[in-house]
Amino acid sequence: MPPSPPRALTPDLLRAFALIGIAVVNVSGFAAPATDGFYGTGLEAPADRAAYTAMSGLFLMKSYPLFAMMFGAGLAWQLEAAARAGADGGARYFRRMAALIVLGALHFIFFWYGDILITYGLLGCLLFPLRGVPAGSLVRLGLGLIALNTLILFLFSALLGAGDALAPEEIAKARAPAADAAQVGAFTEGSFLDAAAWRLSQLPLVLPSVLIQQGIAVFGFFCLGLAAAKAGVIDQPQARIWKLSRWVFLPVGLLGSLWAASLMTRAETIVSSQYMLAGAVLMAFSVFSVFGYAGIIALASQGSPGPIRRFLARAGSASLTAYLLQSLLLSFLFAGYGLDQFGRMSAAEAILTALGVGLASLAFTGIWRSFAARGPLEVLLRRVTYWGRA
C-alpha cells in the first residue's frame, strides 16, 4: 500500500478558525428564545449592538461555509485514501454519512437544535455522484447554487415585507414572546429530558427550514471545496487563488458583510423583512468573505510551522470533537439543568462567553491530539467508516 502523504497545515487551520466562529454564531440559539434571539432585551446597550454587528459581519454565513468547503474537499481526500488502500471508497463514504446523520440526530435532541451534522450527512450523499465532475464545472455549479439560495432569501424578505403590510396583526403574533413559552419553560425550569423533548419536537420544523434556507448554499460550498481539492489548491498555501482572495475578495466580502450586519442589528426581530434581507446580503457576499479568510489562513500556513500553528492545526484536525464539545459546554452554561443563564445574558456577554467556549474547545482538542493520533469522536467515526478498523 502506498504511504499516505503528509497532512497539510492549511485545511486544519481553516477548520480551527471556522470552529471559533461557529461557537460565536451558535450562542444566540443557546442563550435566547428561538424566535426572539437577542432582539428581546439583549441589544439595548451600545456594547451589545457592537458585539452583535461584529459577530454578524465577521462570522455569520462565513464560519459554516468554511466548514462546508472542508467537508466537500473531504470527499476527494477520502476517495484518494480508499484508492491507496484498494478499498471501496463508496461504501466507506456512505457509512461515514450514515454515522454523521445518527450523531447529528443525537446532537440535535440532547444538546443543540441548530445541528449541522444531519444536513451535512444528507447532502453529503448527494455530493458523491459529483465525484467525477471536473473542477471548473463544480465551481460553476457551486456558485450557481449559492446565487439561487441568495435569491430565495431575497424572496422570503419580500414576502415578509408584504405580510407586514397586508396582515400586521398575524405577523405580530408570530413575533410575540408567548411563541417561545414552551422553549423558555423547558430551558429554564425543565430537566435535561424536558429540554431534549422540546428539541425533538422541533426536528420536523427545523430540518426542512435549514435545508430550504441554507441547504442549497451549503451544497454549493461542498462543490467549491471538492473543486478546490480536485484542482490541488486547497492544501497549497502558495496557490495564486489565495493571493487573489486575500487582496481582492476579502475587502469586498468584509465591506458587504459589515453593511449587511448593520442592517441585521437594526432589525426589530428575527421574524422580519429586514432581518431576512440582511441574511440575503450576507449570503451574497459569503463567497468573497470565505475565500478571503481562506487566503489569509493560507498565508499564515506558509513557511515552517511554529508551536502555535502546529497546536491549532492539531486542534482543527479533531473538528468533530470540538464542534460537539462546544454544544455540550454551551448547553450546560445556559440551560436550567446547568448554570441556568438562559435569557440572562446580553448579546455582548453571550458572544464573549461563546468566544471563550470556542477557544476552550480548541485547547481541549489540541492538547488531546498532542497525546493521541485522533480526537475521541474522530476515532468513533473512523471505526464506522472503516467498519471496525481503527
Foldseek 3Di string as FASTA:
>chain_A
DDDDDDDFLLLLLLLLVLLLLVLLVQLQQLFEFDFFRLLPPQQPDPLLLVLLLCSQLQRNLQSLLSVLLSLLLVLVVLVVVCVVVVHDSVLLQLLLLVVLLVVQVVCLLQFNVVGCSNLCSVLVVVCVVCLPPALVVLLVQLVVLLLVLLVVLLVLLVVQVVCCVPPVPVLVVSNDPVVRVQQCCCFAVNASNSNSVVSVVCVVPVVVVCCNNPVSNSSSSSSNSNSCSNVVNLSQLPDPLLVCLQPPLQVQLSVQSSVLSNQCSPDSTCSHSSNSNSVSSNSVSNVSNNSNVSSVSSVVSDDDDDPVSLLSSQLSQQSVQLNSQSRVVSSQCPGNNHVNSHPPHHNSVSSVVSSVSSVVSSNVSSVVVVPDVYDPVVVVSVCSSVVRDD
